[in-house]
Amino acid sequence: MSSAPKTLSPQSPAELPRVLGASQAMAVVVGTIIGSGIFLVPREMMQDLGSSSLVYLAWIVGGLLSLFGAMTYAELGAMLPYAGGEYVYLRGAYGDTTAFLYMWTWFAVAKPASIAAVTSGLARTLGVFPAFHWLMLPVAGSPLLWSQFFAICVTWFMSGLNYLGIKKAGDFQLVFTVLKGVLILIVAALCFASISGSWANFSTTLPGAVGGLNGFMAALIATLWAYDGWNDLTMVAGEVRNPERSLPIALIGGLFVVGALFMATNAAIQYILPAAQIAASERPAVAALSVVAGPRGAGFVAAAMALSIFVTLNGTVMSGARVPYAAAKDRLFFPQFAQIHPRFQSPSFALIIQGALATILLLFLSEFQQFFDLAVFAEWLFYMLTASTVFFYRSKYPDFARPYRVWGYPMLPAIFIVCAAAVLVSSYTSNLKASLIGTVLILLGLPVLWLVRKLYGVSIPMEHGHMY
């Protein structure tokens, strides 16, 4: 009898190919996290904190908490490197119902609404250019705006790219994430090279800011939103080559890269603008480059924002389709979602339905960002639950192969879980009505699970003792 370390894996008749290298995996992390947030949240943070120095403390604390989460996920991902990520970890630890409700939340609400929000944000960003002013106009004879039509087209373009296979989508992610990083560094360099800047801005304050613990917590939540998306890589873990090595490197290394770019951008903005101007500007990065280089500088930042949003969209589309695919493989969802395209080796049906749900939101919900907010607290609920599974696996399956073990165990995972719980409570209490509606949306998955079980019987159990 073999004494080799064991692993836990779901059964599956067909698998997606492992074609993503470590660099592409890191590009998924970096490219998905860095969207428009870094260009926008400095305003909110300054309004909350009122101090340039405290803003950095919030960035550092938010980055560390995200890093603790990524390190915890790195152990889980290296141990269970399968499509679906959090779904797989939750199912192995807490069973079918918890895993299904996670899948349902992402499939029915969070991912389609995220895609709709990102594409709409891209349309609004491009709308600042004179050549794209038509995006803000209504389509002739229709209640739709051209921006909605544009967002739908972008949704299907990115869904089509992923339909053609994750290798093409991964190559796209790598090339344009590098370009995104270069543009952000150029923005920072232009600011620091400008004679318009002053180091004295770093000691400026904003009278009347929220301040105190409440202000810091609000700013911290803003940084956590900006860092959000680091977990998306685990959803495509089944397509990463050498996942035992590549996943921890990409998750942890990617967050360090993101943190450096975020801090550099924030410092560049503060070098040009004092606290009061940052707090008064809707787009602090655009305002800073306007001072440095006039309208052309503002246009450059808007173009960088548009590219950043575009790359984020690719990572969101890519990761979202893998969750219902993984559940369908286990006979926990409709079997069509487990279809793999015979030529392109992509979860084709899942991608199409995901795009269709995002399209419905773009067509019929003008305020779909509010709809997305209904399930925001659920994200932190599942972050908390998923991170807690590391304790379950360490206790229940101590002999499993763990190519990476989270440093600082059990303290760092515990800190992340406690902080995730605090964010969850804060999100829930600050918008109780929306959170209650979001809870109902999640629980609507229970009758769907009942229907799936009635139609397809018992789910396929997770196997012990080997990798497939």
Protein backbone atom coordinates (compact mmCIF):
# COMPACT_ATOMS: atom_id res chain seq x y z
CA MET A 1 0.00 0.00 0.00
CA SER A 2 1.42 3.38 -1.05
CA SER A 3 2.53 5.78 1.65
CA ALA A 4 2.48 8.78 -0.70
CA PRO A 5 0.61 11.84 0.54
CA LYS A 6 -3.04 11.78 -0.36
CA THR A 7 -5.15 14.34 -2.13
CA LEU A 8 -8.86 14.95 -2.43
CA SER A 9 -10.36 15.40 -5.86
CA PRO A 10 -13.74 15.52 -7.52
CA GLN A 11 -14.54 12.87 -10.09
CA SER A 12 -14.99 13.95 -13.68
CA PRO A 13 -15.33 12.27 -17.07
CA ALA A 14 -13.75 15.17 -18.95
CA GLU A 15 -11.40 17.96 -17.92
CA LEU A 16 -10.34 21.34 -19.23
CA PRO A 17 -6.72 21.34 -20.45
CA ARG A 18 -3.94 22.73 -18.29
CA VAL A 19 -2.46 25.37 -20.60
CA LEU A 20 -1.87 28.45 -18.41
CA GLY A 21 1.69 29.07 -17.33
CA ALA A 22 2.83 30.86 -14.16
CA SER A 23 3.15 34.23 -15.94
CA GLN A 24 -0.37 33.98 -17.35
CA ALA A 25 -1.68 32.92 -13.93
CA MET A 26 -0.07 35.95 -12.32
CA ALA A 27 -1.57 38.13 -15.06
CA VAL A 28 -5.01 36.79 -14.10
CA VAL A 29 -4.40 37.95 -10.52
CA VAL A 30 -2.89 41.35 -11.33
CA GLY A 31 -5.07 42.10 -14.34
CA THR A 32 -8.32 41.18 -12.60
CA ILE A 33 -7.60 43.12 -9.39
CA ILE A 34 -6.48 46.37 -11.01
CA GLY A 35 -9.57 47.89 -12.58
CA SER A 36 -10.74 51.46 -12.19
CA GLY A 37 -10.61 51.41 -8.38
CA ILE A 38 -7.06 52.70 -7.96
CA PHE A 39 -7.91 55.72 -10.10
CA LEU A 40 -11.05 56.54 -8.10
CA VAL A 41 -10.89 55.38 -4.45
CA PRO A 42 -8.23 57.90 -3.28
CA ARG A 43 -11.07 60.47 -3.15
CA GLU A 44 -13.28 58.31 -0.92
CA MET A 45 -10.34 57.38 1.30
CA MET A 46 -9.33 61.00 1.78
CA GLN A 47 -12.92 61.96 2.65
CA ASP A 48 -12.96 59.18 5.25
CA LEU A 49 -9.53 59.75 6.78
CA GLY A 50 -8.67 63.40 6.11
CA SER A 51 -4.94 62.65 6.32
CA SER A 52 -2.49 61.82 3.54
CA SER A 53 -0.40 59.67 5.88
CA LEU A 54 -3.37 57.69 7.20
CA VAL A 55 -4.37 56.89 3.62
CA TYR A 56 -1.14 54.89 3.32
CA LEU A 57 -1.86 53.03 6.53
CA ALA A 58 -5.23 51.99 5.08
CA TRP A 59 -3.57 50.84 1.85
CA ILE A 60 -1.00 48.82 3.80
CA VAL A 61 -3.53 47.20 6.16
CA GLY A 62 -5.88 46.40 3.27
CA GLY A 63 -3.01 44.94 1.29
CA LEU A 64 -1.87 42.79 4.21
CA LEU A 65 -5.37 41.44 4.85
CA SER A 66 -5.74 40.58 1.18
CA LEU A 67 -2.31 38.95 1.29
CA PHE A 68 -3.34 36.83 4.29
CA GLY A 69 -6.38 35.69 2.31
CA ALA A 70 -4.31 34.96 -0.78
CA MET A 71 -1.78 32.96 1.25
CA THR A 72 -4.59 30.90 2.75
CA TYR A 73 -6.10 30.31 -0.68
CA ALA A 74 -2.66 29.41 -2.02
CA GLU A 75 -2.49 26.42 0.34
CA LEU A 76 -6.00 25.33 -0.65
CA GLY A 77 -5.37 25.88 -4.36
CA ALA A 78 -2.08 23.99 -4.40
CA MET A 79 -3.69 21.12 -2.50
CA LEU A 80 -6.91 21.06 -4.60
CA PRO A 81 -5.97 22.57 -7.98
CA TYR A 82 -9.29 22.05 -9.75
CA ALA A 83 -11.74 24.16 -11.72
CA GLY A 84 -14.17 26.04 -9.52
CA GLY A 85 -11.73 27.03 -6.77
CA GLU A 86 -13.76 28.04 -3.73
CA TYR A 87 -16.61 25.77 -4.80
CA VAL A 88 -14.27 22.76 -4.55
CA TYR A 89 -12.84 23.77 -1.16
CA LEU A 90 -16.29 24.42 0.30
CA ARG A 91 -17.73 21.19 -1.04
CA GLY A 92 -14.91 19.10 0.39
CA ALA A 93 -15.22 20.74 3.80
CA TYR A 94 -18.90 21.60 4.23
CA GLY A 95 -20.78 19.51 1.70
CA ASP A 96 -22.98 19.94 -1.35
CA THR A 97 -25.47 22.52 -0.07
CA THR A 98 -22.88 25.13 0.98
CA ALA A 99 -20.92 24.63 -2.24
CA PHE A 100 -24.07 24.86 -4.34
CA LEU A 101 -25.19 28.10 -2.69
CA TYR A 102 -21.75 29.56 -3.38
CA MET A 103 -22.02 28.50 -7.02
CA TRP A 104 -25.58 29.83 -7.26
CA THR A 105 -24.60 33.23 -5.86
CA TRP A 106 -21.76 33.62 -8.32
CA PHE A 107 -23.65 32.22 -11.30
CA ALA A 108 -27.01 33.96 -10.79
CA VAL A 109 -26.00 37.29 -9.26
CA ALA A 110 -22.39 38.24 -8.61
CA LYS A 111 -20.54 37.40 -11.83
CA PRO A 112 -23.17 38.54 -14.38
CA ALA A 113 -23.68 41.77 -12.41
CA SER A 114 -19.93 42.26 -12.15
CA ILE A 115 -19.57 41.85 -15.92
CA ALA A 116 -22.42 44.31 -16.46
CA ALA A 117 -20.88 46.82 -14.04
CA VAL A 118 -17.42 46.54 -15.62
CA THR A 119 -18.64 46.93 -19.20
CA SER A 120 -20.85 49.86 -18.21
CA GLY A 121 -17.88 51.44 -16.45
CA LEU A 122 -15.83 51.03 -19.61
CA ALA A 123 -18.53 52.81 -21.64
CA ARG A 124 -18.67 55.67 -19.11
CA THR A 125 -14.88 56.00 -19.11
CA LEU A 126 -14.69 56.16 -22.91
CA GLY A 127 -17.54 58.67 -22.88
CA VAL A 128 -15.14 61.39 -21.67
CA PHE A 129 -13.48 61.38 -25.10
CA PRO A 130 -15.18 63.59 -27.73
CA ALA A 131 -15.07 60.72 -30.23
CA PHE A 132 -17.21 58.61 -27.88
CA HIS A 133 -19.79 61.20 -26.81
CA TRP A 134 -22.36 59.24 -28.80
CA LEU A 135 -22.23 56.58 -26.09
CA MET A 136 -24.27 58.87 -23.84
CA LEU A 137 -27.04 59.29 -26.45
CA PRO A 138 -30.18 57.13 -26.81
CA VAL A 139 -30.45 54.62 -29.64
CA ALA A 140 -32.93 56.02 -32.20
CA GLY A 141 -36.48 54.90 -31.43
CA SER A 142 -35.37 52.98 -28.36
CA PRO A 143 -35.19 53.58 -24.60
CA LEU A 144 -31.66 52.14 -24.69
CA LEU A 145 -28.53 54.25 -24.58
CA TRP A 146 -25.70 53.56 -26.98
CA SER A 147 -23.57 52.91 -23.88
CA GLN A 148 -25.79 49.92 -23.04
CA PHE A 149 -25.49 48.59 -26.58
CA PHE A 150 -21.72 49.12 -26.47
CA ALA A 151 -21.46 47.31 -23.11
CA ILE A 152 -23.41 44.36 -24.51
CA CYS A 153 -21.09 44.18 -27.54
CA VAL A 154 -18.01 44.25 -25.28
CA THR A 155 -19.52 41.52 -23.08
CA TRP A 156 -19.95 39.23 -26.09
CA PHE A 157 -16.55 40.10 -27.54
CA MET A 158 -14.86 39.02 -24.30
CA SER A 159 -17.12 35.98 -23.94
CA GLY A 160 -16.20 35.05 -27.52
CA LEU A 161 -12.49 35.38 -26.80
CA ASN A 162 -12.85 33.00 -23.86
CA TYR A 163 -15.05 30.69 -25.95
CA LEU A 164 -12.06 30.27 -28.29
CA GLY A 165 -10.08 28.79 -25.40
CA ILE A 166 -8.37 29.87 -22.23
CA LYS A 167 -4.95 29.85 -23.92
CA LYS A 168 -5.98 32.75 -26.15
CA ALA A 169 -7.68 34.51 -23.24
CA GLY A 170 -4.62 33.89 -21.04
CA ASP A 171 -2.25 35.29 -23.68
CA PHE A 172 -4.51 38.35 -24.00
CA GLN A 173 -4.48 38.76 -20.22
CA LEU A 174 -0.69 38.57 -20.04
CA VAL A 175 0.05 41.05 -22.84
CA PHE A 176 -2.47 43.64 -21.75
CA THR A 177 -1.75 43.29 -18.03
CA VAL A 178 1.89 44.13 -18.76
CA LEU A 179 0.75 47.09 -20.85
CA LYS A 180 -1.60 48.15 -18.04
CA GLY A 181 1.27 48.06 -15.54
CA VAL A 182 3.50 50.11 -17.86
CA LEU A 183 0.79 52.76 -18.28
CA ILE A 184 0.30 53.01 -14.51
CA LEU A 185 4.04 53.45 -14.00
CA ILE A 186 4.08 56.14 -16.71
CA VAL A 187 1.28 57.98 -14.89
CA ALA A 188 3.31 57.84 -11.66
CA ALA A 189 6.54 58.89 -13.42
CA LEU A 190 4.87 61.87 -15.12
CA CYS A 191 3.56 63.07 -11.76
CA PHE A 192 6.87 62.74 -9.92
CA ALA A 193 8.78 64.39 -12.80
CA SER A 194 6.47 67.41 -12.80
CA ILE A 195 7.48 70.77 -11.35
CA SER A 196 3.84 71.16 -10.27
CA GLY A 197 4.24 68.65 -7.46
CA SER A 198 5.27 69.17 -3.87
CA TRP A 199 6.33 66.85 -1.08
CA ALA A 200 4.49 69.19 1.27
CA ASN A 201 1.20 67.75 -0.04
CA PHE A 202 1.89 64.57 1.92
CA SER A 203 1.43 66.47 5.19
CA THR A 204 -1.84 68.15 4.19
CA THR A 205 -5.12 67.31 5.89
CA LEU A 206 -8.84 67.62 5.15
CA PRO A 207 -10.90 69.39 7.84
CA GLY A 208 -14.31 67.85 8.36
CA ALA A 209 -13.35 64.30 7.31
CA VAL A 210 -15.13 61.40 8.99
CA GLY A 211 -11.97 60.49 10.89
CA GLY A 212 -11.56 58.18 13.85
CA LEU A 213 -12.19 54.45 13.81
CA ASN A 214 -15.32 54.80 11.65
CA GLY A 215 -13.39 56.74 9.03
CA PHE A 216 -10.54 54.26 9.05
CA MET A 217 -12.89 51.27 8.68
CA ALA A 218 -14.68 52.96 5.77
CA ALA A 219 -11.34 53.67 4.07
CA LEU A 220 -10.17 50.12 4.77
CA ILE A 221 -13.27 48.69 3.10
CA ALA A 222 -12.54 50.93 0.10
CA THR A 223 -9.01 49.47 -0.16
CA LEU A 224 -10.38 45.93 0.16
CA TRP A 225 -12.75 46.63 -2.74
CA ALA A 226 -9.77 47.91 -4.75
CA TYR A 227 -7.76 44.75 -3.94
CA ASP A 228 -10.74 42.50 -4.66
CA GLY A 229 -10.47 39.83 -7.35
CA TRP A 230 -7.37 37.98 -6.13
CA ASN A 231 -9.51 34.86 -5.58
CA ASP A 232 -10.51 34.60 -9.26
CA LEU A 233 -7.37 32.63 -10.17
CA THR A 234 -8.48 29.69 -8.03
CA MET A 235 -11.58 29.33 -10.21
CA VAL A 236 -9.39 28.51 -13.23
CA ALA A 237 -6.91 26.42 -11.21
CA GLY A 238 -7.86 23.34 -13.24
CA GLU A 239 -6.25 24.94 -16.30
CA VAL A 240 -2.96 26.03 -14.72
CA ARG A 241 0.18 24.01 -15.49
CA ASN A 242 2.15 22.82 -12.44
CA PRO A 243 -0.51 24.31 -10.13
CA GLU A 244 1.26 23.14 -6.99
CA ARG A 245 4.01 25.68 -7.75
CA SER A 246 2.33 28.20 -10.04
CA LEU A 247 -0.77 28.97 -7.94
CA PRO A 248 1.07 30.12 -4.77
CA ILE A 249 3.57 32.14 -6.81
CA ALA A 250 0.82 33.82 -8.83
CA LEU A 251 -1.48 34.54 -5.87
CA ILE A 252 1.16 35.88 -3.49
CA GLY A 253 3.48 37.45 -6.08
CA GLY A 254 0.54 39.01 -7.89
CA LEU A 255 -0.66 40.76 -4.73
CA PHE A 256 2.80 42.19 -4.09
CA VAL A 257 2.84 43.59 -7.64
CA VAL A 258 -0.64 45.06 -7.20
CA GLY A 259 0.25 46.58 -3.84
CA ALA A 260 3.35 48.26 -5.32
CA LEU A 261 1.36 49.71 -8.24
CA PHE A 262 -1.43 50.91 -5.94
CA MET A 263 1.00 52.65 -3.57
CA ALA A 264 2.91 54.23 -6.46
CA THR A 265 -0.28 55.59 -8.02
CA ASN A 266 -1.58 56.95 -4.73
CA ALA A 267 1.76 58.60 -3.96
CA ALA A 268 1.86 60.17 -7.42
CA ILE A 269 -1.61 61.66 -6.98
CA GLN A 270 -0.72 63.04 -3.54
CA TYR A 271 2.53 64.54 -4.88
CA ILE A 272 0.48 66.67 -7.29
CA LEU A 273 -2.70 67.35 -5.31
CA PRO A 274 -3.20 68.35 -1.66
CA ALA A 275 -5.72 66.49 0.46
CA ALA A 276 -8.58 68.93 -0.17
CA GLN A 277 -8.27 68.64 -3.96
CA ILE A 278 -8.12 64.85 -3.85
CA ALA A 279 -11.27 64.75 -1.74
CA ALA A 280 -13.06 67.15 -4.12
CA SER A 281 -12.16 65.34 -7.35
CA GLU A 282 -14.36 62.59 -8.79
CA ARG A 283 -11.33 61.18 -10.63
CA PRO A 284 -8.20 62.10 -8.65
CA ALA A 285 -5.79 60.50 -11.13
CA VAL A 286 -7.35 62.41 -14.03
CA ALA A 287 -7.20 65.64 -12.00
CA ALA A 288 -3.52 65.06 -11.20
CA LEU A 289 -2.54 64.44 -14.83
CA SER A 290 -4.59 67.48 -15.88
CA VAL A 291 -2.32 69.58 -13.68
CA VAL A 292 0.78 67.88 -15.07
CA ALA A 293 -0.06 67.76 -18.78
CA GLY A 294 -3.39 69.50 -19.34
CA PRO A 295 -6.20 67.86 -21.35
CA ARG A 296 -3.78 65.43 -22.97
CA GLY A 297 -2.73 64.18 -19.56
CA ALA A 298 -6.35 63.70 -18.54
CA GLY A 299 -6.97 61.80 -21.77
CA PHE A 300 -3.97 59.57 -21.11
CA VAL A 301 -5.30 58.58 -17.69
CA ALA A 302 -8.77 57.95 -19.12
CA ALA A 303 -7.22 55.69 -21.77
CA ALA A 304 -5.25 53.84 -19.08
CA MET A 305 -8.46 53.42 -17.07
CA ALA A 306 -10.29 52.05 -20.11
CA LEU A 307 -7.54 49.51 -20.80
CA SER A 308 -7.42 48.55 -17.13
CA ILE A 309 -11.18 47.94 -17.05
CA PHE A 310 -11.00 45.93 -20.30
CA VAL A 311 -8.37 43.56 -18.89
CA THR A 312 -10.34 43.18 -15.65
CA LEU A 313 -13.34 42.12 -17.73
CA ASN A 314 -11.37 39.30 -19.33
CA GLY A 315 -10.41 37.88 -15.94
CA THR A 316 -13.97 38.19 -14.69
CA VAL A 317 -15.48 36.39 -17.69
CA MET A 318 -12.79 33.72 -17.61
CA SER A 319 -13.18 32.85 -13.94
CA GLY A 320 -16.95 33.13 -13.66
CA ALA A 321 -17.78 30.41 -16.17
CA ARG A 322 -15.68 27.80 -14.34
CA VAL A 323 -17.84 27.73 -11.21
CA PRO A 324 -21.11 26.40 -12.73
CA TYR A 325 -18.96 24.15 -14.93
CA ALA A 326 -17.41 22.55 -11.84
CA ALA A 327 -20.80 22.07 -10.17
CA ALA A 328 -22.29 20.50 -13.30
CA LYS A 329 -19.36 18.07 -13.46
CA ASP A 330 -20.33 16.88 -10.00
CA ARG A 331 -23.98 16.51 -11.04
CA LEU A 332 -24.85 19.43 -8.75
CA PHE A 333 -26.11 21.60 -11.61
CA PHE A 334 -27.66 21.20 -15.04
CA PRO A 335 -25.37 18.94 -17.12
CA GLN A 336 -25.20 21.35 -20.07
CA PHE A 337 -22.91 23.58 -18.00
CA ALA A 338 -20.27 20.82 -17.97
CA GLN A 339 -20.01 20.84 -21.76
CA ILE A 340 -16.48 21.33 -23.09
CA HIS A 341 -16.23 22.57 -26.65
CA PRO A 342 -14.68 19.77 -28.72
CA ARG A 343 -12.40 22.13 -30.66
CA PHE A 344 -11.69 25.05 -28.33
CA GLN A 345 -11.67 23.09 -25.05
CA SER A 346 -13.64 25.78 -23.23
CA PRO A 347 -16.76 25.58 -21.01
CA SER A 348 -18.76 26.90 -23.95
CA PHE A 349 -22.31 26.61 -22.61
CA ALA A 350 -21.40 28.21 -19.26
CA LEU A 351 -19.78 31.14 -21.07
CA ILE A 352 -22.85 31.68 -23.26
CA ILE A 353 -25.31 31.65 -20.35
CA GLN A 354 -23.06 33.92 -18.29
CA GLY A 355 -22.95 36.40 -21.17
CA ALA A 356 -26.73 36.16 -21.60
CA LEU A 357 -27.36 36.92 -17.92
CA ALA A 358 -25.06 39.95 -18.07
CA THR A 359 -26.88 41.10 -21.22
CA ILE A 360 -30.25 40.88 -19.45
CA LEU A 361 -28.92 43.10 -16.67
CA LEU A 362 -27.57 45.62 -19.17
CA LEU A 363 -30.86 45.72 -21.06
CA PHE A 364 -33.36 45.92 -18.25
CA LEU A 365 -31.64 47.21 -15.11
CA SER A 366 -30.35 50.73 -15.51
CA GLU A 367 -29.20 50.69 -11.89
CA PHE A 368 -27.75 47.19 -11.93
CA GLN A 369 -24.87 48.35 -9.74
CA GLN A 370 -27.43 48.46 -6.93
CA PHE A 371 -28.43 44.92 -7.86
CA PHE A 372 -24.80 43.88 -7.58
CA ASP A 373 -24.60 45.52 -4.15
CA LEU A 374 -27.31 43.13 -2.97
CA ALA A 375 -24.79 40.30 -3.01
CA VAL A 376 -21.63 42.19 -2.06
CA PHE A 377 -21.86 40.98 1.52
CA ALA A 378 -22.13 37.41 0.20
CA GLU A 379 -18.65 37.75 -1.25
CA TRP A 380 -17.23 38.29 2.22
CA LEU A 381 -19.42 35.55 3.65
CA PHE A 382 -17.84 33.08 1.23
CA TYR A 383 -14.34 34.52 1.73
CA MET A 384 -14.78 33.84 5.44
CA LEU A 385 -16.18 30.34 4.94
CA THR A 386 -13.58 29.39 2.33
CA ALA A 387 -10.64 30.55 4.45
CA SER A 388 -12.00 28.54 7.37
CA THR A 389 -11.72 25.34 5.34
CA VAL A 390 -7.93 25.42 5.75
CA PHE A 391 -8.47 24.45 9.41
CA PHE A 392 -10.84 21.65 8.38
CA TYR A 393 -8.38 20.14 5.90
CA ARG A 394 -5.42 20.45 8.28
CA SER A 395 -7.38 18.61 10.98
CA LYS A 396 -9.34 16.09 8.91
CA TYR A 397 -6.74 15.27 6.27
CA PRO A 398 -3.29 15.92 7.77
CA ASP A 399 -1.65 13.49 5.32
CA PHE A 400 -2.77 15.30 2.15
CA ALA A 401 -0.05 16.62 -0.12
CA ARG A 402 0.48 20.32 0.61
CA PRO A 403 3.03 21.75 -1.84
CA TYR A 404 2.55 25.11 -0.14
CA ARG A 405 1.66 25.69 3.50
CA VAL A 406 0.39 29.09 4.56
CA TRP A 407 3.05 30.90 6.57
CA GLY A 408 1.96 31.92 10.05
CA TYR A 409 -0.68 29.20 10.42
CA PRO A 410 -2.99 29.33 12.33
CA MET A 411 -2.69 33.06 13.13
CA LEU A 412 -2.78 34.58 9.63
CA PRO A 413 -5.80 32.62 8.38
CA ALA A 414 -7.56 33.37 11.68
CA ILE A 415 -6.85 37.10 11.33
CA PHE A 416 -8.25 37.06 7.80
CA ILE A 417 -11.39 35.21 8.92
CA VAL A 418 -12.04 37.65 11.78
CA CYS A 419 -11.53 40.65 9.49
CA ALA A 420 -13.73 39.12 6.80
CA ALA A 421 -16.42 38.67 9.44
CA ALA A 422 -16.04 42.33 10.45
CA VAL A 423 -16.39 43.47 6.84
CA LEU A 424 -19.38 41.17 6.44
CA VAL A 425 -21.12 42.63 9.50
CA SER A 426 -20.28 46.18 8.43
CA SER A 427 -21.60 45.60 4.91
CA TYR A 428 -24.75 43.97 6.23
CA THR A 429 -25.63 46.60 8.85
CA SER A 430 -24.77 49.60 6.67
CA ASN A 431 -27.24 48.47 4.00
CA LEU A 432 -29.61 46.16 5.83
CA LYS A 433 -32.44 46.20 3.28
CA ALA A 434 -30.17 45.33 0.34
CA SER A 435 -28.37 42.70 2.39
CA LEU A 436 -31.63 41.02 3.36
CA ILE A 437 -32.72 40.95 -0.28
CA GLY A 438 -29.31 39.53 -1.15
CA THR A 439 -29.78 36.82 1.46
CA VAL A 440 -33.09 35.90 -0.13
CA LEU A 441 -31.42 35.73 -3.56
CA ILE A 442 -28.84 33.31 -2.17
CA LEU A 443 -31.46 31.14 -0.47
CA LEU A 444 -33.43 30.96 -3.74
CA GLY A 445 -30.71 28.51 -4.71
CA LEU A 446 -32.21 25.93 -2.35
CA PRO A 447 -35.27 25.15 -4.54
CA VAL A 448 -32.95 25.04 -7.56
CA LEU A 449 -30.77 22.51 -5.74
CA TRP A 450 -33.90 20.48 -4.91
CA LEU A 451 -34.87 20.49 -8.60
CA VAL A 452 -31.37 19.43 -9.69
CA ARG A 453 -31.38 16.55 -7.21
CA LYS A 454 -34.86 15.50 -8.32
CA LEU A 455 -33.81 15.49 -11.99
CA TYR A 456 -30.32 14.01 -11.72
CA GLY A 457 -30.17 12.15 -8.43
CA VAL A 458 -27.25 11.99 -6.06
CA SER A 459 -24.20 14.10 -6.85
CA ILE A 460 -20.87 12.50 -7.75
CA PRO A 461 -18.86 12.14 -4.53
CA MET A 462 -15.39 13.60 -4.10
CA GLU A 463 -12.73 10.93 -4.27
CA HIS A 464 -10.01 10.30 -1.74
CA GLY A 465 -6.51 9.12 -2.41
CA HIS A 466 -5.58 10.28 -5.91
CA MET A 467 -5.40 13.12 -8.38
CA TYR A 468 -7.27 12.78 -11.62
